[in-house]
Amino acid sequence: MFKDHFSKVADRYAKYRPQYPGALFRYLASLPPEHDLAWDCATGNGQAAVGLAPYFKKIAAADLSREQLSQAAHHEKIEYHLASAEDSGIEAGSVDLITVANAAHWFNLELFYREAERVLKPEGKIAVWCYLHSGITEEIDRIVKNYAHKILQSYWPPERKYVEEKYRTLPFPFKEVKTPEFKIQLQWDFFNFTGYLKTWSASQRYLEQQKKDPLELIEKELKKAWGKLETLHEVSWNIYLRAGGK
């Protein structure tokens, strides 16, 4: 069953979700020996697909959310299509690299990994990653963690546990390679940051069930900690990456 937490906020997701660093994609491109085709699974609005495009002849970027795909960035190398992680429609043994950016925890992992084995070339590679809490200042981080762990505690889908555990417990039945550390680093004002918080699946579930925006519960405190709302703070996230091959 498709776990659709983001179609209703597809436009906000495209605007406020952080972009991944170029160094991540250079590393991912170094993993497979050939660069004919990459499959960016659960591509959303195509953030990772665009990052991969300089390194592969073709990118198959798939998602089951029409709304997310409608927000995707166009690129001559990228072919977007509506398909699930578990049934991609991609030719067997044709993929050099599979990527899943911050989405593998939503999949039926047994079926997805079976599909990954089917479409990968013998020397093909797969990489999945997530990011968790942002780092800004000690006071802002405290407020945001309170928001995530107390206010929204009962609104997170159960699959979120894999993200909280930094993908360490995510099943990954491949010959794993040791990966470097990567970090997202952005300069954001208050409006960008709160726009991002509103894309959280738990924020959306709270809004749907309580009929009010949960950010209102921390807005005053967060504004005080931020300072002038137009002030740019460095916002960073550690990326938790796992990669391997058959």
Protein backbone atom coordinates (compact mmCIF):
# COMPACT_ATOMS: atom_id res chain seq x y z
CA MET A 1 0.00 0.00 0.00
CA PHE A 2 1.32 3.45 -0.99
CA LYS A 3 2.11 5.53 2.12
CA ASP A 4 1.25 8.97 0.76
CA HIS A 5 2.20 11.60 3.33
CA PHE A 6 3.24 14.42 1.01
CA SER A 7 0.91 14.81 -2.00
CA LYS A 8 -1.17 17.42 -0.19
CA VAL A 9 1.92 19.55 0.41
CA ALA A 10 3.71 18.85 -2.90
CA ASP A 11 4.19 22.52 -3.71
CA ARG A 12 5.52 23.28 -0.24
CA TYR A 13 7.68 20.15 -0.35
CA ALA A 14 9.29 21.33 -3.59
CA LYS A 15 9.91 24.80 -2.14
CA TYR A 16 11.10 24.02 1.37
CA ARG A 17 12.74 20.60 1.44
CA PRO A 18 16.54 20.98 1.66
CA GLN A 19 18.71 20.26 -1.37
CA TYR A 20 21.44 17.64 -1.12
CA PRO A 21 25.12 18.57 -1.51
CA GLY A 22 26.92 18.03 -4.80
CA ALA A 23 29.59 15.97 -3.02
CA LEU A 24 26.99 13.31 -2.27
CA PHE A 25 26.16 12.81 -5.93
CA ARG A 26 29.81 12.76 -6.98
CA TYR A 27 30.37 9.98 -4.48
CA LEU A 28 27.30 8.03 -5.56
CA ALA A 29 28.40 8.26 -9.19
CA SER A 30 31.76 6.74 -8.20
CA LEU A 31 30.14 3.52 -6.96
CA PRO A 32 29.06 1.73 -10.19
CA PRO A 33 31.52 0.98 -13.00
CA GLU A 34 29.04 2.04 -15.72
CA HIS A 35 26.79 5.09 -15.98
CA ASP A 36 24.07 4.26 -18.49
CA LEU A 37 21.02 4.35 -16.23
CA ALA A 38 20.19 5.42 -12.68
CA TRP A 39 16.83 4.77 -11.04
CA ASP A 40 15.84 7.44 -8.53
CA CYS A 41 13.07 5.68 -6.65
CA ALA A 42 10.37 7.71 -4.87
CA THR A 43 11.84 10.74 -6.59
CA GLY A 44 9.23 13.18 -5.27
CA ASN A 45 9.97 16.46 -6.99
CA GLY A 46 13.19 15.13 -8.49
CA GLN A 47 15.76 16.64 -6.13
CA ALA A 48 18.05 13.61 -6.21
CA ALA A 49 17.37 12.88 -9.88
CA VAL A 50 18.64 16.34 -10.85
CA GLY A 51 21.73 15.81 -8.70
CA LEU A 52 22.50 12.55 -10.50
CA ALA A 53 21.90 13.90 -14.01
CA PRO A 54 25.46 15.14 -14.71
CA TYR A 55 26.86 11.66 -14.13
CA PHE A 56 24.49 9.32 -16.00
CA LYS A 57 23.28 9.05 -19.58
CA LYS A 58 19.69 8.62 -18.38
CA ILE A 59 17.75 8.87 -15.12
CA ALA A 60 14.52 6.94 -14.56
CA ALA A 61 12.76 8.95 -11.84
CA ALA A 62 9.65 7.31 -10.44
CA ASP A 63 7.06 8.14 -7.81
CA LEU A 64 3.47 7.17 -7.03
CA SER A 65 2.39 10.73 -6.26
CA ARG A 66 1.10 12.59 -9.31
CA GLU A 67 1.14 15.78 -7.24
CA GLN A 68 4.81 15.41 -6.40
CA LEU A 69 5.74 14.61 -10.00
CA SER A 70 3.84 17.69 -11.16
CA GLN A 71 6.35 19.78 -9.17
CA ALA A 72 9.41 17.97 -10.55
CA ALA A 73 12.24 19.88 -12.18
CA HIS A 74 12.56 19.19 -15.91
CA HIS A 75 15.86 17.92 -17.28
CA GLU A 76 16.69 16.43 -20.68
CA LYS A 77 18.24 13.32 -19.11
CA ILE A 78 15.42 12.62 -16.67
CA GLU A 79 12.31 10.61 -17.54
CA TYR A 80 9.67 10.89 -14.84
CA HIS A 81 7.04 8.19 -14.57
CA LEU A 82 4.33 7.04 -12.19
CA ALA A 83 5.49 3.78 -10.61
CA SER A 84 6.00 2.18 -7.23
CA ALA A 85 9.23 1.17 -5.53
CA GLU A 86 8.06 -2.42 -5.57
CA ASP A 87 7.07 -2.53 -9.26
CA SER A 88 9.17 -0.12 -11.29
CA GLY A 89 8.47 -1.34 -14.82
CA ILE A 90 12.20 -1.04 -15.55
CA GLU A 91 13.97 -3.62 -17.69
CA ALA A 92 15.73 -6.37 -15.75
CA GLY A 93 19.49 -6.04 -15.38
CA SER A 94 19.60 -2.51 -16.80
CA VAL A 95 20.28 -0.22 -13.83
CA ASP A 96 23.73 0.93 -12.74
CA LEU A 97 22.65 2.82 -9.62
CA ILE A 98 19.48 2.90 -7.53
CA THR A 99 18.99 5.84 -5.19
CA VAL A 100 16.33 6.42 -2.54
CA ALA A 101 16.45 9.82 -0.86
CA ASN A 102 14.71 10.00 2.51
CA ALA A 103 11.97 7.57 1.49
CA ALA A 104 13.05 3.93 1.89
CA HIS A 105 11.37 3.71 5.31
CA TRP A 106 7.95 4.07 3.63
CA PHE A 107 8.44 1.03 1.35
CA ASN A 108 7.48 -2.60 1.58
CA LEU A 109 11.18 -3.33 1.91
CA GLU A 110 11.04 -7.03 1.06
CA LEU A 111 9.30 -6.34 -2.24
CA PHE A 112 11.43 -3.29 -3.01
CA TYR A 113 14.70 -5.14 -2.49
CA ARG A 114 13.46 -7.97 -4.67
CA GLU A 115 12.74 -5.40 -7.39
CA ALA A 116 16.16 -3.80 -6.85
CA GLU A 117 17.87 -7.18 -7.33
CA ARG A 118 15.87 -7.69 -10.53
CA VAL A 119 16.72 -4.38 -12.21
CA LEU A 120 20.35 -3.97 -11.11
CA LYS A 121 23.22 -4.91 -13.37
CA PRO A 122 25.60 -7.51 -11.86
CA GLU A 123 27.97 -4.72 -10.75
CA GLY A 124 25.19 -2.22 -10.04
CA LYS A 125 24.90 -0.41 -6.73
CA ILE A 126 22.11 0.82 -4.47
CA ALA A 127 22.18 3.75 -2.03
CA VAL A 128 19.55 4.82 0.49
CA TRP A 129 19.79 7.74 2.86
CA CYS A 130 17.87 9.91 5.28
CA TYR A 131 18.42 12.95 7.45
CA LEU A 132 17.00 13.67 10.89
CA HIS A 133 17.19 16.71 13.12
CA SER A 134 18.56 20.03 11.91
CA GLY A 135 21.23 21.93 13.77
CA ILE A 136 21.00 25.72 14.07
CA THR A 137 21.57 27.12 17.56
CA GLU A 138 21.28 25.40 20.92
CA GLU A 139 18.06 27.23 21.80
CA ILE A 140 16.37 26.74 18.42
CA ASP A 141 17.37 23.08 18.38
CA ARG A 142 15.83 22.58 21.83
CA ILE A 143 12.51 24.09 20.69
CA VAL A 144 12.42 22.01 17.51
CA LYS A 145 13.23 18.76 19.31
CA ASN A 146 10.46 19.50 21.82
CA TYR A 147 8.12 20.06 18.87
CA ALA A 148 9.17 16.79 17.22
CA HIS A 149 9.31 14.55 20.29
CA LYS A 150 6.55 15.91 22.53
CA ILE A 151 3.98 17.91 20.56
CA LEU A 152 4.10 15.62 17.54
CA GLN A 153 5.10 12.42 19.33
CA SER A 154 1.89 10.48 18.66
CA TYR A 155 1.49 11.81 15.10
CA TRP A 156 4.57 10.25 13.51
CA PRO A 157 3.88 7.19 11.33
CA PRO A 158 5.50 4.03 12.77
CA GLU A 159 7.98 3.78 9.88
CA ARG A 160 9.59 6.99 11.15
CA LYS A 161 11.48 4.85 13.69
CA TYR A 162 14.01 3.96 11.00
CA VAL A 163 14.83 7.65 10.55
CA GLU A 164 15.09 8.20 14.32
CA GLU A 165 17.53 5.30 14.36
CA LYS A 166 19.49 6.96 11.53
CA TYR A 167 18.82 4.02 9.19
CA ARG A 168 21.11 1.82 11.26
CA THR A 169 18.27 -0.67 11.80
CA LEU A 170 16.83 -0.44 8.29
CA PRO A 171 17.04 -3.88 6.63
CA PHE A 172 19.67 -3.69 3.88
CA PRO A 173 20.41 -7.10 2.29
CA PHE A 174 23.34 -6.03 0.11
CA LYS A 175 27.11 -6.27 0.26
CA GLU A 176 27.58 -3.00 2.08
CA VAL A 177 30.40 -0.53 1.57
CA LYS A 178 31.73 1.96 4.09
CA THR A 179 30.52 5.43 3.12
CA PRO A 180 31.91 8.91 3.84
CA GLU A 181 30.00 11.40 5.96
CA PHE A 182 27.92 14.05 4.22
CA LYS A 183 26.06 17.07 5.50
CA ILE A 184 23.41 19.42 4.14
CA GLN A 185 24.23 23.06 4.92
CA LEU A 186 21.92 25.93 3.98
CA GLN A 187 21.36 29.58 4.85
CA TRP A 188 17.71 29.99 5.80
CA ASP A 189 15.51 32.67 7.29
CA PHE A 190 12.64 32.00 9.70
CA PHE A 191 10.10 31.61 6.90
CA ASN A 192 12.10 28.98 5.02
CA PHE A 193 12.65 27.01 8.19
CA THR A 194 9.05 27.01 9.35
CA GLY A 195 7.95 26.19 5.80
CA TYR A 196 10.16 23.10 6.07
CA LEU A 197 8.68 22.12 9.46
CA LYS A 198 5.21 22.23 7.92
CA THR A 199 6.23 19.55 5.38
CA TRP A 200 6.82 16.99 8.12
CA SER A 201 4.44 14.02 7.93
CA ALA A 202 3.60 14.45 11.63
CA SER A 203 2.83 18.15 11.14
CA GLN A 204 0.37 17.19 8.41
CA ARG A 205 -1.26 14.47 10.50
CA TYR A 206 -1.67 16.84 13.44
CA LEU A 207 -3.28 19.45 11.20
CA GLU A 208 -5.66 16.90 9.68
CA GLN A 209 -6.71 15.46 13.03
CA GLN A 210 -6.75 18.56 15.23
CA LYS A 211 -7.80 21.07 12.54
CA LYS A 212 -5.12 23.53 13.61
CA ASP A 213 -1.50 24.19 12.78
CA PRO A 214 0.80 22.63 15.42
CA LEU A 215 3.46 25.26 14.69
CA GLU A 216 1.26 27.80 16.47
CA LEU A 217 2.24 26.04 19.71
CA ILE A 218 5.92 26.95 19.31
CA GLU A 219 5.78 29.99 17.02
CA LYS A 220 6.21 32.69 19.68
CA GLU A 221 9.09 30.89 21.38
CA LEU A 222 10.76 30.06 18.06
CA LYS A 223 10.51 33.66 16.83
CA LYS A 224 12.18 34.90 20.02
CA ALA A 225 15.01 32.41 19.64
CA TRP A 226 15.46 33.21 15.94
CA GLY A 227 15.78 36.98 16.29
CA LYS A 228 14.86 39.10 13.29
CA LEU A 229 12.79 36.85 11.08
CA GLU A 230 14.81 37.80 7.99
CA THR A 231 18.07 36.84 9.71
CA LEU A 232 19.85 34.00 7.92
CA HIS A 233 21.00 31.14 10.11
CA GLU A 234 23.09 28.22 8.95
CA VAL A 235 20.86 25.15 9.07
CA SER A 236 22.59 21.77 8.80
CA TRP A 237 21.53 18.13 8.72
CA ASN A 238 23.73 15.04 8.89
CA ILE A 239 23.02 12.57 6.08
CA TYR A 240 22.78 8.91 7.10
CA LEU A 241 23.80 6.90 4.04
CA ARG A 242 23.94 3.19 3.33
CA ALA A 243 25.23 1.80 0.05
CA GLY A 244 26.12 -1.56 -1.43
CA GLY A 245 25.77 -3.99 -4.27
CA LYS A 246 24.66 -7.53 -5.03
